[in-house]
Amino acid sequence: MSKLSLTPIQQRRLRNFRANRRGFWSLWVFLALFGLSLAAELIANDAPLVVSYQDTLYFPVVESVPEETFGGFLPTEADYRDPFIADSIEADGWIVWPPIRFSYDTINYDLEVPSPAPPSLENWLGTDDQGRDVAARVIYGFRISVLFGLTLTIASCIVGVAVGAIQGYYGGKIDLLGQRFIEVWSGLPVLYLLIILSSIVQPNFWWLLGIMLLFSWMGLVDVVRAEFLRARNFEYVKAARALGLDNRKIMFRHILPNAMVATLTFLPFILTGAITGLTSLDFLGFGLPSGSPSLGELIAQGKANLHAPWLGMSAFVSLSVMLTLLVFVGEAVRDAFDPRKS
């Protein structure tokens, strides 16, 4: 979008965002890391990217090729790390591997030392206590953490904005009862409830998302409610009522765009809270199913294996970089929407 298509206010906000160099470059670094994690299957995988066998191309990274295709005996998917299959392919073709020849759940059975093994040319960040490649698990864990945080942030924004808009616009008993409910709901011990609910059923991505959404939406209610309480008596709102517009159109077409200015500044910090919440549950063992790529589980392994410092350091550096970049982006967004900055 060119500058000519932006309003003067939007141009000023964009200039303010770019003026915060730390936040501006943090956004690009974060987008680059997130983009790489979205292509995790092309970076870390136990299946080759391309296989040429008998003048025929196969793409095992996106398709299942049976072992008998390469001279094996089984109709199941080929194990390309099997020396027999690898030698058979290379005798009549070639293989293109990803940079890391392990997926997040691939166990390296050819380690020269017991697991967890230290970093090596084969396992760049070493292996965990089950022989799985740490670098692959960090890449996949980074992706699932960001996707979980983004999904939870968007869902929390929808629920929190809707509740705050209804409370602030209608006021009266609706606002009074809503505030009393939020006071009671926010006073509950969230972490204990998450642990109890996670222990009732086997948690997965969507189950954890629903549980955390029960409490994460409250962070935006006060901001949106205050904006609606302030704006509902403005002249343009009274004029819209006089013209016969219904409440829904007044709320979401006229008042909400002004309320979203304050809301957007909170989104990066809600995202960091969602990521740390998932990491905490995984660390305690109440998060994603066992075996899932998780930075929290990697921290727990580092705590249980103090003689393998590469486990804790890998998770710590990954989380530190991710959260630091998001905080810097949040500061730049705050500056962009600050009316005092010109």
C-alpha atoms as a PDB file:
ATOM      1  CA  MET A   1       0.000   0.000   0.000  1.00  0.00           C
ATOM      2  CA  SER A   2       1.491   3.329  -1.048  1.00  0.00           C
ATOM      3  CA  LYS A   3       1.591   6.425   1.075  1.00  0.00           C
ATOM      4  CA  LEU A   4      -0.885   8.127  -1.268  1.00  0.00           C
ATOM      5  CA  SER A   5      -3.572   5.622  -0.257  1.00  0.00           C
ATOM      6  CA  LEU A   6      -3.053   6.239   3.468  1.00  0.00           C
ATOM      7  CA  THR A   7      -4.807   8.911   5.476  1.00  0.00           C
ATOM      8  CA  PRO A   8      -2.642  11.547   7.216  1.00  0.00           C
ATOM      9  CA  ILE A   9      -3.230   9.867  10.577  1.00  0.00           C
ATOM     10  CA  GLN A  10      -2.201   6.481   9.194  1.00  0.00           C
ATOM     11  CA  GLN A  11       0.915   8.007   7.640  1.00  0.00           C
ATOM     12  CA  ARG A  12       1.843   9.574  10.977  1.00  0.00           C
ATOM     13  CA  ARG A  13       1.387   6.225  12.753  1.00  0.00           C
ATOM     14  CA  LEU A  14       3.519   4.470  10.166  1.00  0.00           C
ATOM     15  CA  ARG A  15       6.264   7.070  10.570  1.00  0.00           C
ATOM     16  CA  ASN A  16       6.139   6.712  14.348  1.00  0.00           C
ATOM     17  CA  PHE A  17       6.389   2.938  14.045  1.00  0.00           C
ATOM     18  CA  ARG A  18       9.391   3.188  11.733  1.00  0.00           C
ATOM     19  CA  ALA A  19      10.982   5.780  13.998  1.00  0.00           C
ATOM     20  CA  ASN A  20      11.263   3.122  16.692  1.00  0.00           C
ATOM     21  CA  ARG A  21      14.129   1.338  14.953  1.00  0.00           C
ATOM     22  CA  ARG A  22      14.366  -1.367  17.572  1.00  0.00           C
ATOM     23  CA  GLY A  23      10.717  -2.339  17.187  1.00  0.00           C
ATOM     24  CA  PHE A  24      10.742  -1.928  13.406  1.00  0.00           C
ATOM     25  CA  TRP A  25      13.653  -4.302  12.876  1.00  0.00           C
ATOM     26  CA  SER A  26      12.371  -6.658  15.566  1.00  0.00           C
ATOM     27  CA  LEU A  27       9.190  -7.072  13.516  1.00  0.00           C
ATOM     28  CA  TRP A  28      11.159  -8.078  10.426  1.00  0.00           C
ATOM     29  CA  VAL A  29      13.397 -10.459  12.372  1.00  0.00           C
ATOM     30  CA  PHE A  30      10.369 -12.063  14.024  1.00  0.00           C
ATOM     31  CA  LEU A  31       8.559 -12.426  10.682  1.00  0.00           C
ATOM     32  CA  ALA A  32      11.678 -14.009   9.172  1.00  0.00           C
ATOM     33  CA  LEU A  33      11.989 -16.530  12.022  1.00  0.00           C
ATOM     34  CA  PHE A  34       8.272 -17.295  11.939  1.00  0.00           C
ATOM     35  CA  GLY A  35       8.388 -17.726   8.164  1.00  0.00           C
ATOM     36  CA  LEU A  36      11.249 -20.205   8.501  1.00  0.00           C
ATOM     37  CA  SER A  37       9.347 -22.126  11.164  1.00  0.00           C
ATOM     38  CA  LEU A  38       6.313 -22.372   8.872  1.00  0.00           C
ATOM     39  CA  ALA A  39       8.579 -24.208   6.436  1.00  0.00           C
ATOM     40  CA  ALA A  40       9.884 -26.507   9.188  1.00  0.00           C
ATOM     41  CA  GLU A  41       9.200 -29.635   7.117  1.00  0.00           C
ATOM     42  CA  LEU A  42      11.611 -28.324   4.473  1.00  0.00           C
ATOM     43  CA  ILE A  43      14.313 -27.540   7.041  1.00  0.00           C
ATOM     44  CA  ALA A  44      14.126 -30.450   9.493  1.00  0.00           C
ATOM     45  CA  ASN A  45      12.692 -33.746   8.301  1.00  0.00           C
ATOM     46  CA  ASP A  46      13.559 -37.427   8.255  1.00  0.00           C
ATOM     47  CA  ALA A  47      12.182 -37.660   4.697  1.00  0.00           C
ATOM     48  CA  PRO A  48      14.166 -36.314   1.719  1.00  0.00           C
ATOM     49  CA  LEU A  49      12.996 -33.290  -0.217  1.00  0.00           C
ATOM     50  CA  VAL A  50      13.488 -34.921  -3.625  1.00  0.00           C
ATOM     51  CA  VAL A  51      14.396 -38.470  -4.657  1.00  0.00           C
ATOM     52  CA  SER A  52      15.363 -39.458  -8.179  1.00  0.00           C
ATOM     53  CA  TYR A  53      15.129 -43.209  -8.734  1.00  0.00           C
ATOM     54  CA  GLN A  54      15.249 -44.904 -12.121  1.00  0.00           C
ATOM     55  CA  ASP A  55      14.651 -41.571 -13.889  1.00  0.00           C
ATOM     56  CA  THR A  56      11.517 -40.889 -11.824  1.00  0.00           C
ATOM     57  CA  LEU A  57      11.203 -38.015  -9.360  1.00  0.00           C
ATOM     58  CA  TYR A  58       9.567 -38.485  -5.975  1.00  0.00           C
ATOM     59  CA  PHE A  59       8.863 -35.892  -3.293  1.00  0.00           C
ATOM     60  CA  PRO A  60       8.755 -37.812   0.012  1.00  0.00           C
ATOM     61  CA  VAL A  61       8.411 -34.609   2.028  1.00  0.00           C
ATOM     62  CA  VAL A  62       4.846 -34.187   0.711  1.00  0.00           C
ATOM     63  CA  GLU A  63       3.914 -37.715  -0.398  1.00  0.00           C
ATOM     64  CA  SER A  64       4.124 -41.226   0.967  1.00  0.00           C
ATOM     65  CA  VAL A  65       6.227 -43.537  -1.187  1.00  0.00           C
ATOM     66  CA  PRO A  66       6.193 -47.293  -0.348  1.00  0.00           C
ATOM     67  CA  GLU A  67       9.428 -49.068   0.361  1.00  0.00           C
ATOM     68  CA  GLU A  68       8.938 -51.565  -2.476  1.00  0.00           C
ATOM     69  CA  THR A  69       9.260 -48.682  -4.962  1.00  0.00           C
ATOM     70  CA  PHE A  70      12.975 -48.500  -4.104  1.00  0.00           C
ATOM     71  CA  GLY A  71      13.624 -52.244  -4.150  1.00  0.00           C
ATOM     72  CA  GLY A  72      12.396 -53.004  -0.649  1.00  0.00           C
ATOM     73  CA  PHE A  73       9.973 -55.697   0.449  1.00  0.00           C
ATOM     74  CA  LEU A  74       7.289 -53.837   2.415  1.00  0.00           C
ATOM     75  CA  PRO A  75       4.291 -51.878   1.061  1.00  0.00           C
ATOM     76  CA  THR A  76       4.613 -49.370   3.920  1.00  0.00           C
ATOM     77  CA  GLU A  77       6.269 -45.976   3.665  1.00  0.00           C
ATOM     78  CA  ALA A  78       9.996 -46.157   3.087  1.00  0.00           C
ATOM     79  CA  ASP A  79      12.433 -45.430   5.882  1.00  0.00           C
ATOM     80  CA  TYR A  80      14.985 -43.281   4.068  1.00  0.00           C
ATOM     81  CA  ARG A  81      17.418 -43.454   6.976  1.00  0.00           C
ATOM     82  CA  ASP A  82      17.635 -47.219   6.502  1.00  0.00           C
ATOM     83  CA  PRO A  83      21.053 -47.929   4.914  1.00  0.00           C
ATOM     84  CA  PHE A  84      19.526 -50.512   2.584  1.00  0.00           C
ATOM     85  CA  ILE A  85      16.986 -48.042   1.153  1.00  0.00           C
ATOM     86  CA  ALA A  86      19.552 -45.240   0.952  1.00  0.00           C
ATOM     87  CA  ASP A  87      22.088 -47.428  -0.870  1.00  0.00           C
ATOM     88  CA  SER A  88      19.410 -48.727  -3.239  1.00  0.00           C
ATOM     89  CA  ILE A  89      18.366 -45.190  -4.200  1.00  0.00           C
ATOM     90  CA  GLU A  90      21.909 -43.881  -4.594  1.00  0.00           C
ATOM     91  CA  ALA A  91      22.818 -46.859  -6.793  1.00  0.00           C
ATOM     92  CA  ASP A  92      20.269 -45.807  -9.390  1.00  0.00           C
ATOM     93  CA  GLY A  93      19.525 -42.164  -8.577  1.00  0.00           C
ATOM     94  CA  TRP A  94      20.160 -39.420  -6.036  1.00  0.00           C
ATOM     95  CA  ILE A  95      18.685 -37.898  -2.862  1.00  0.00           C
ATOM     96  CA  VAL A  96      18.309 -34.270  -1.741  1.00  0.00           C
ATOM     97  CA  TRP A  97      18.022 -34.038   2.041  1.00  0.00           C
ATOM     98  CA  PRO A  98      16.880 -31.046   4.124  1.00  0.00           C
ATOM     99  CA  PRO A  99      19.586 -29.283   6.184  1.00  0.00           C
ATOM    100  CA  ILE A 100      18.539 -31.215   9.317  1.00  0.00           C
ATOM    101  CA  ARG A 101      17.844 -34.886   8.636  1.00  0.00           C
ATOM    102  CA  PHE A 102      15.563 -35.315  11.628  1.00  0.00           C
ATOM    103  CA  SER A 103      11.959 -34.425  12.329  1.00  0.00           C
ATOM    104  CA  TYR A 104      10.808 -33.417  15.804  1.00  0.00           C
ATOM    105  CA  ASP A 105       9.949 -37.036  16.709  1.00  0.00           C
ATOM    106  CA  THR A 106      12.793 -38.823  14.912  1.00  0.00           C
ATOM    107  CA  ILE A 107      14.999 -40.858  17.232  1.00  0.00           C
ATOM    108  CA  ASN A 108      18.661 -41.103  16.350  1.00  0.00           C
ATOM    109  CA  TYR A 109      19.619 -44.723  16.959  1.00  0.00           C
ATOM    110  CA  ASP A 110      23.196 -44.228  15.727  1.00  0.00           C
ATOM    111  CA  LEU A 111      24.468 -42.095  18.590  1.00  0.00           C
ATOM    112  CA  GLU A 112      27.986 -42.809  19.763  1.00  0.00           C
ATOM    113  CA  VAL A 113      27.185 -41.757  23.341  1.00  0.00           C
ATOM    114  CA  PRO A 114      24.094 -42.290  25.519  1.00  0.00           C
ATOM    115  CA  SER A 115      21.245 -39.781  25.276  1.00  0.00           C
ATOM    116  CA  PRO A 116      21.168 -36.880  25.785  1.00  0.00           C
ATOM    117  CA  ALA A 117      24.061 -36.506  23.346  1.00  0.00           C
ATOM    118  CA  PRO A 118      26.012 -33.228  23.067  1.00  0.00           C
ATOM    119  CA  PRO A 119      25.966 -31.055  19.918  1.00  0.00           C
ATOM    120  CA  SER A 120      27.672 -32.530  16.874  1.00  0.00           C
ATOM    121  CA  LEU A 121      27.805 -32.140  13.098  1.00  0.00           C
ATOM    122  CA  GLU A 122      24.844 -34.509  12.825  1.00  0.00           C
ATOM    123  CA  ASN A 123      22.809 -33.054  15.695  1.00  0.00           C
ATOM    124  CA  TRP A 124      23.570 -29.335  15.728  1.00  0.00           C
ATOM    125  CA  LEU A 125      22.077 -28.685  19.182  1.00  0.00           C
ATOM    126  CA  GLY A 126      22.496 -32.212  20.498  1.00  0.00           C
ATOM    127  CA  THR A 127      19.711 -34.632  21.375  1.00  0.00           C
ATOM    128  CA  ASP A 128      17.277 -34.836  24.248  1.00  0.00           C
ATOM    129  CA  ASP A 129      17.002 -37.717  26.710  1.00  0.00           C
ATOM    130  CA  GLN A 130      15.033 -39.773  24.142  1.00  0.00           C
ATOM    131  CA  GLY A 131      17.536 -39.315  21.306  1.00  0.00           C
ATOM    132  CA  ARG A 132      15.478 -36.735  19.386  1.00  0.00           C
ATOM    133  CA  ASP A 133      17.212 -33.862  17.623  1.00  0.00           C
ATOM    134  CA  VAL A 134      16.977 -30.663  19.694  1.00  0.00           C
ATOM    135  CA  ALA A 135      17.342 -28.296  16.724  1.00  0.00           C
ATOM    136  CA  ALA A 136      14.361 -29.888  14.979  1.00  0.00           C
ATOM    137  CA  ARG A 137      12.267 -29.725  18.144  1.00  0.00           C
ATOM    138  CA  VAL A 138      13.173 -26.051  18.640  1.00  0.00           C
ATOM    139  CA  ILE A 139      12.052 -25.175  15.098  1.00  0.00           C
ATOM    140  CA  TYR A 140       8.778 -27.065  15.367  1.00  0.00           C
ATOM    141  CA  GLY A 141       8.234 -25.848  18.936  1.00  0.00           C
ATOM    142  CA  PHE A 142       8.754 -22.230  17.870  1.00  0.00           C
ATOM    143  CA  ARG A 143       6.088 -22.642  15.192  1.00  0.00           C
ATOM    144  CA  ILE A 144       3.482 -24.251  17.412  1.00  0.00           C
ATOM    145  CA  SER A 145       4.094 -21.676  20.173  1.00  0.00           C
ATOM    146  CA  VAL A 146       3.590 -18.712  17.830  1.00  0.00           C
ATOM    147  CA  LEU A 147       0.566 -20.275  16.108  1.00  0.00           C
ATOM    148  CA  PHE A 148      -1.002 -21.039  19.490  1.00  0.00           C
ATOM    149  CA  GLY A 149      -0.312 -17.518  20.721  1.00  0.00           C
ATOM    150  CA  LEU A 150      -1.689 -15.887  17.570  1.00  0.00           C
ATOM    151  CA  THR A 151      -4.849 -17.996  17.605  1.00  0.00           C
ATOM    152  CA  LEU A 152      -5.452 -17.331  21.296  1.00  0.00           C
ATOM    153  CA  THR A 153      -4.771 -13.605  20.843  1.00  0.00           C
ATOM    154  CA  ILE A 154      -7.258 -13.292  17.965  1.00  0.00           C
ATOM    155  CA  ALA A 155      -9.935 -15.262  19.818  1.00  0.00           C
ATOM    156  CA  SER A 156      -9.344 -13.275  23.029  1.00  0.00           C
ATOM    157  CA  CYS A 157      -9.557 -10.031  21.075  1.00  0.00           C
ATOM    158  CA  ILE A 158     -12.910 -11.000  19.547  1.00  0.00           C
ATOM    159  CA  VAL A 159     -14.452 -12.031  22.878  1.00  0.00           C
ATOM    160  CA  GLY A 160     -12.917  -9.209  24.931  1.00  0.00           C
ATOM    161  CA  VAL A 161     -13.849  -6.487  22.446  1.00  0.00           C
ATOM    162  CA  ALA A 162     -17.410  -7.786  22.144  1.00  0.00           C
ATOM    163  CA  VAL A 163     -17.916  -7.935  25.930  1.00  0.00           C
ATOM    164  CA  GLY A 164     -16.316  -4.535  26.522  1.00  0.00           C
ATOM    165  CA  ALA A 165     -18.342  -2.954  23.721  1.00  0.00           C
ATOM    166  CA  ILE A 166     -21.640  -4.256  25.089  1.00  0.00           C
ATOM    167  CA  GLN A 167     -20.831  -3.148  28.633  1.00  0.00           C
ATOM    168  CA  GLY A 168     -19.615   0.288  27.660  1.00  0.00           C
ATOM    169  CA  TYR A 169     -22.319   1.097  25.134  1.00  0.00           C
ATOM    170  CA  TYR A 170     -25.365   0.015  27.113  1.00  0.00           C
ATOM    171  CA  GLY A 171     -24.067   0.807  30.603  1.00  0.00           C
ATOM    172  CA  GLY A 172     -26.540   0.589  33.486  1.00  0.00           C
ATOM    173  CA  LYS A 173     -27.364  -2.854  34.815  1.00  0.00           C
ATOM    174  CA  ILE A 174     -25.609  -4.621  31.961  1.00  0.00           C
ATOM    175  CA  ASP A 175     -22.366  -2.842  32.800  1.00  0.00           C
ATOM    176  CA  LEU A 176     -22.835  -3.350  36.557  1.00  0.00           C
ATOM    177  CA  LEU A 177     -23.549  -7.083  36.288  1.00  0.00           C
ATOM    178  CA  GLY A 178     -20.775  -7.544  33.741  1.00  0.00           C
ATOM    179  CA  GLN A 179     -18.209  -5.882  35.995  1.00  0.00           C
ATOM    180  CA  ARG A 180     -19.238  -7.972  39.003  1.00  0.00           C
ATOM    181  CA  PHE A 181     -18.933 -11.156  36.923  1.00  0.00           C
ATOM    182  CA  ILE A 182     -15.479 -10.149  35.653  1.00  0.00           C
ATOM    183  CA  GLU A 183     -14.337  -9.343  39.192  1.00  0.00           C
ATOM    184  CA  VAL A 184     -15.364 -12.807  40.376  1.00  0.00           C
ATOM    185  CA  TRP A 185     -14.023 -14.568  37.274  1.00  0.00           C
ATOM    186  CA  SER A 186     -10.666 -12.755  37.378  1.00  0.00           C
ATOM    187  CA  GLY A 187     -10.280 -13.641  41.067  1.00  0.00           C
ATOM    188  CA  LEU A 188     -10.183 -17.371  40.329  1.00  0.00           C
ATOM    189  CA  PRO A 189      -6.780 -19.103  40.567  1.00  0.00           C
ATOM    190  CA  VAL A 190      -6.224 -19.424  36.838  1.00  0.00           C
ATOM    191  CA  LEU A 191      -3.139 -21.662  36.882  1.00  0.00           C
ATOM    192  CA  TYR A 192      -4.706 -24.161  39.291  1.00  0.00           C
ATOM    193  CA  LEU A 193      -7.891 -24.302  37.242  1.00  0.00           C
ATOM    194  CA  LEU A 194      -5.888 -24.844  34.059  1.00  0.00           C
ATOM    195  CA  ILE A 195      -4.000 -27.685  35.722  1.00  0.00           C
ATOM    196  CA  ILE A 196      -7.226 -29.273  37.023  1.00  0.00           C
ATOM    197  CA  LEU A 197      -9.022 -28.983  33.687  1.00  0.00           C
ATOM    198  CA  SER A 198      -5.979 -30.259  31.792  1.00  0.00           C
ATOM    199  CA  SER A 199      -5.768 -33.300  34.053  1.00  0.00           C
ATOM    200  CA  ILE A 200      -9.412 -34.275  33.478  1.00  0.00           C
ATOM    201  CA  VAL A 201      -8.988 -35.044  29.768  1.00  0.00           C
ATOM    202  CA  GLN A 202      -6.027 -35.595  27.477  1.00  0.00           C
ATOM    203  CA  PRO A 203      -5.184 -32.076  26.315  1.00  0.00           C
ATOM    204  CA  ASN A 204      -4.467 -31.168  22.710  1.00  0.00           C
ATOM    205  CA  PHE A 205      -3.928 -27.931  20.814  1.00  0.00           C
ATOM    206  CA  TRP A 206      -7.610 -26.958  20.579  1.00  0.00           C
ATOM    207  CA  TRP A 207      -8.516 -28.149  24.073  1.00  0.00           C
ATOM    208  CA  LEU A 208      -5.745 -26.039  25.606  1.00  0.00           C
ATOM    209  CA  LEU A 209      -6.796 -23.121  23.431  1.00  0.00           C
ATOM    210  CA  GLY A 210     -10.377 -23.333  24.726  1.00  0.00           C
ATOM    211  CA  ILE A 211      -9.259 -23.615  28.357  1.00  0.00           C
ATOM    212  CA  MET A 212      -6.936 -20.597  28.175  1.00  0.00           C
ATOM    213  CA  LEU A 213      -9.529 -18.585  26.255  1.00  0.00           C
ATOM    214  CA  LEU A 214     -11.827 -18.833  29.292  1.00  0.00           C
ATOM    215  CA  PHE A 215      -9.554 -16.398  31.122  1.00  0.00           C
ATOM    216  CA  SER A 216      -7.434 -14.552  28.543  1.00  0.00           C
ATOM    217  CA  TRP A 217     -10.247 -12.391  27.105  1.00  0.00           C
ATOM    218  CA  MET A 218     -10.570 -10.251  30.241  1.00  0.00           C
ATOM    219  CA  GLY A 219      -7.437  -8.222  29.540  1.00  0.00           C
ATOM    220  CA  LEU A 220      -9.117  -6.176  26.802  1.00  0.00           C
ATOM    221  CA  VAL A 221     -12.519  -5.628  28.389  1.00  0.00           C
ATOM    222  CA  ASP A 222     -11.565  -2.638  30.551  1.00  0.00           C
ATOM    223  CA  VAL A 223      -9.872  -0.794  27.684  1.00  0.00           C
ATOM    224  CA  VAL A 224     -12.737  -1.264  25.226  1.00  0.00           C
ATOM    225  CA  ARG A 225     -15.367  -0.576  27.884  1.00  0.00           C
ATOM    226  CA  ALA A 226     -13.724   2.738  28.811  1.00  0.00           C
ATOM    227  CA  GLU A 227     -13.589   3.820  25.154  1.00  0.00           C
ATOM    228  CA  PHE A 228     -17.257   2.987  24.615  1.00  0.00           C
ATOM    229  CA  LEU A 229     -18.315   4.713  27.835  1.00  0.00           C
ATOM    230  CA  ARG A 230     -16.463   7.802  26.671  1.00  0.00           C
ATOM    231  CA  ALA A 231     -17.681   7.782  23.079  1.00  0.00           C
ATOM    232  CA  ARG A 232     -21.318   6.813  23.478  1.00  0.00           C
ATOM    233  CA  ASN A 233     -22.294  10.411  24.321  1.00  0.00           C
ATOM    234  CA  PHE A 234     -20.288  12.062  21.537  1.00  0.00           C
ATOM    235  CA  GLU A 235     -22.100  14.150  18.972  1.00  0.00           C
ATOM    236  CA  TYR A 236     -21.542  11.780  16.065  1.00  0.00           C
ATOM    237  CA  VAL A 237     -23.103   8.919  18.052  1.00  0.00           C
ATOM    238  CA  LYS A 238     -26.135  11.042  18.916  1.00  0.00           C
ATOM    239  CA  ALA A 239     -26.413  12.042  15.262  1.00  0.00           C
ATOM    240  CA  ALA A 240     -26.277   8.386  14.194  1.00  0.00           C
ATOM    241  CA  ARG A 241     -29.091   7.556  16.632  1.00  0.00           C
ATOM    242  CA  ALA A 242     -31.125  10.480  15.316  1.00  0.00           C
ATOM    243  CA  LEU A 243     -30.699   9.150  11.769  1.00  0.00           C
ATOM    244  CA  GLY A 244     -32.214   5.841  12.844  1.00  0.00           C
ATOM    245  CA  LEU A 245     -29.140   3.576  12.842  1.00  0.00           C
ATOM    246  CA  ASP A 246     -29.518   0.535  15.067  1.00  0.00           C
ATOM    247  CA  ASN A 247     -27.243  -0.032  18.033  1.00  0.00           C
ATOM    248  CA  ARG A 248     -25.212  -2.771  16.368  1.00  0.00           C
ATOM    249  CA  LYS A 249     -24.183  -0.532  13.459  1.00  0.00           C
ATOM    250  CA  ILE A 250     -23.389   2.364  15.777  1.00  0.00           C
ATOM    251  CA  MET A 251     -21.255   0.148  17.995  1.00  0.00           C
ATOM    252  CA  PHE A 252     -19.212  -1.663  15.367  1.00  0.00           C
ATOM    253  CA  ARG A 253     -19.169   0.847  12.519  1.00  0.00           C
ATOM    254  CA  HIS A 254     -18.686   4.149  14.350  1.00  0.00           C
ATOM    255  CA  ILE A 255     -17.378   3.582  17.901  1.00  0.00           C
ATOM    256  CA  LEU A 256     -15.328   0.398  17.520  1.00  0.00           C
ATOM    257  CA  PRO A 257     -12.704   1.844  15.093  1.00  0.00           C
ATOM    258  CA  ASN A 258     -11.818   4.461  17.721  1.00  0.00           C
ATOM    259  CA  ALA A 259     -11.710   1.839  20.489  1.00  0.00           C
ATOM    260  CA  MET A 260      -9.422  -0.422  18.440  1.00  0.00           C
ATOM    261  CA  VAL A 261      -6.610   2.140  18.645  1.00  0.00           C
ATOM    262  CA  ALA A 262      -6.087   1.369  22.317  1.00  0.00           C
ATOM    263  CA  THR A 263      -6.788  -2.319  21.779  1.00  0.00           C
ATOM    264  CA  LEU A 264      -4.084  -2.828  19.161  1.00  0.00           C
ATOM    265  CA  THR A 265      -1.357  -1.650  21.528  1.00  0.00           C
ATOM    266  CA  PHE A 266      -2.183  -4.537  23.876  1.00  0.00           C
ATOM    267  CA  LEU A 267      -2.086  -7.320  21.278  1.00  0.00           C
ATOM    268  CA  PRO A 268       1.701  -8.014  21.253  1.00  0.00           C
ATOM    269  CA  PHE A 269       1.687  -8.289  25.045  1.00  0.00           C
ATOM    270  CA  ILE A 270      -1.336 -10.627  25.004  1.00  0.00           C
ATOM    271  CA  LEU A 271       0.570 -12.729  22.477  1.00  0.00           C
ATOM    272  CA  THR A 272       3.598 -12.991  24.770  1.00  0.00           C
ATOM    273  CA  GLY A 273       1.326 -13.949  27.663  1.00  0.00           C
ATOM    274  CA  ALA A 274      -0.280 -16.713  25.592  1.00  0.00           C
ATOM    275  CA  ILE A 275       3.113 -18.122  24.608  1.00  0.00           C
ATOM    276  CA  THR A 276       4.436 -18.087  28.175  1.00  0.00           C
ATOM    277  CA  GLY A 277       1.181 -19.664  29.400  1.00  0.00           C
ATOM    278  CA  LEU A 278       1.538 -22.584  26.991  1.00  0.00           C
ATOM    279  CA  THR A 279       5.212 -22.950  27.898  1.00  0.00           C
ATOM    280  CA  SER A 280       4.363 -23.036  31.612  1.00  0.00           C
ATOM    281  CA  LEU A 281       1.753 -25.754  31.154  1.00  0.00           C
ATOM    282  CA  ASP A 282       4.122 -27.817  29.011  1.00  0.00           C
ATOM    283  CA  PHE A 283       6.850 -27.413  31.626  1.00  0.00           C
ATOM    284  CA  LEU A 284       4.507 -28.681  34.341  1.00  0.00           C
ATOM    285  CA  GLY A 285       3.348 -31.584  32.172  1.00  0.00           C
ATOM    286  CA  PHE A 286      -0.226 -30.371  31.648  1.00  0.00           C
ATOM    287  CA  GLY A 287       0.195 -28.937  28.173  1.00  0.00           C
ATOM    288  CA  LEU A 288       0.408 -30.509  24.754  1.00  0.00           C
ATOM    289  CA  PRO A 289       0.344 -34.323  24.416  1.00  0.00           C
ATOM    290  CA  SER A 290       3.521 -36.218  25.189  1.00  0.00           C
ATOM    291  CA  GLY A 291       5.933 -36.186  22.275  1.00  0.00           C
ATOM    292  CA  SER A 292       4.706 -32.903  20.821  1.00  0.00           C
ATOM    293  CA  PRO A 293       7.412 -30.351  19.955  1.00  0.00           C
ATOM    294  CA  SER A 294       7.328 -28.009  22.914  1.00  0.00           C
ATOM    295  CA  LEU A 295       9.747 -25.461  24.313  1.00  0.00           C
ATOM    296  CA  GLY A 296       8.251 -25.968  27.760  1.00  0.00           C
ATOM    297  CA  GLU A 297       8.957 -29.704  27.646  1.00  0.00           C
ATOM    298  CA  LEU A 298      12.520 -28.914  26.534  1.00  0.00           C
ATOM    299  CA  ILE A 299      12.943 -26.693  29.593  1.00  0.00           C
ATOM    300  CA  ALA A 300      11.662 -29.535  31.770  1.00  0.00           C
ATOM    301  CA  GLN A 301      14.213 -31.886  30.185  1.00  0.00           C
ATOM    302  CA  GLY A 302      16.949 -29.349  30.872  1.00  0.00           C
ATOM    303  CA  LYS A 303      15.871 -29.228  34.521  1.00  0.00           C
ATOM    304  CA  ALA A 304      15.920 -33.032  34.753  1.00  0.00           C
ATOM    305  CA  ASN A 305      19.279 -33.336  32.951  1.00  0.00           C
ATOM    306  CA  LEU A 306      21.572 -30.717  34.459  1.00  0.00           C
ATOM    307  CA  HIS A 307      24.544 -32.545  32.978  1.00  0.00           C
ATOM    308  CA  ALA A 308      23.216 -31.659  29.495  1.00  0.00           C
ATOM    309  CA  PRO A 309      23.193 -27.827  29.513  1.00  0.00           C
ATOM    310  CA  TRP A 310      22.440 -27.624  25.778  1.00  0.00           C
ATOM    311  CA  LEU A 311      18.825 -28.616  26.497  1.00  0.00           C
ATOM    312  CA  GLY A 312      18.031 -25.733  28.825  1.00  0.00           C
ATOM    313  CA  MET A 313      20.142 -23.250  26.871  1.00  0.00           C
ATOM    314  CA  SER A 314      18.405 -24.066  23.565  1.00  0.00           C
ATOM    315  CA  ALA A 315      14.952 -23.529  25.059  1.00  0.00           C
ATOM    316  CA  PHE A 316      16.042 -20.444  26.993  1.00  0.00           C
ATOM    317  CA  VAL A 317      17.594 -18.736  23.949  1.00  0.00           C
ATOM    318  CA  SER A 318      14.580 -19.585  21.761  1.00  0.00           C
ATOM    319  CA  LEU A 319      12.066 -18.197  24.247  1.00  0.00           C
ATOM    320  CA  SER A 320      14.208 -15.171  25.074  1.00  0.00           C
ATOM    321  CA  VAL A 321      14.614 -14.177  21.439  1.00  0.00           C
ATOM    322  CA  MET A 322      10.934 -14.751  20.668  1.00  0.00           C
ATOM    323  CA  LEU A 323       9.551 -12.819  23.635  1.00  0.00           C
ATOM    324  CA  THR A 324      12.117 -10.013  23.376  1.00  0.00           C
ATOM    325  CA  LEU A 325      11.248  -9.417  19.733  1.00  0.00           C
ATOM    326  CA  LEU A 326       7.516  -9.364  20.535  1.00  0.00           C
ATOM    327  CA  VAL A 327       8.006  -6.903  23.408  1.00  0.00           C
ATOM    328  CA  PHE A 328      10.022  -4.586  21.163  1.00  0.00           C
ATOM    329  CA  VAL A 329       7.305  -4.792  18.500  1.00  0.00           C
ATOM    330  CA  GLY A 330       4.712  -3.979  21.156  1.00  0.00           C
ATOM    331  CA  GLU A 331       6.659  -0.886  22.182  1.00  0.00           C
ATOM    332  CA  ALA A 332       6.809   0.275  18.553  1.00  0.00           C
ATOM    333  CA  VAL A 333       3.049  -0.263  18.138  1.00  0.00           C
ATOM    334  CA  ARG A 334       2.441   1.726  21.316  1.00  0.00           C
ATOM    335  CA  ASP A 335       4.537   4.588  19.947  1.00  0.00           C
ATOM    336  CA  ALA A 336       2.717   4.434  16.627  1.00  0.00           C
ATOM    337  CA  PHE A 337      -0.680   4.982  18.250  1.00  0.00           C
ATOM    338  CA  ASP A 338       0.534   7.520  20.816  1.00  0.00           C
ATOM    339  CA  PRO A 339      -1.099  10.856  19.852  1.00  0.00           C
ATOM    340  CA  ARG A 340       1.620  12.783  21.698  1.00  0.00           C
ATOM    341  CA  LYS A 341       4.305  11.611  19.253  1.00  0.00           C
ATOM    342  CA  SER A 342       4.571  13.584  16.055  1.00  0.00           C
END
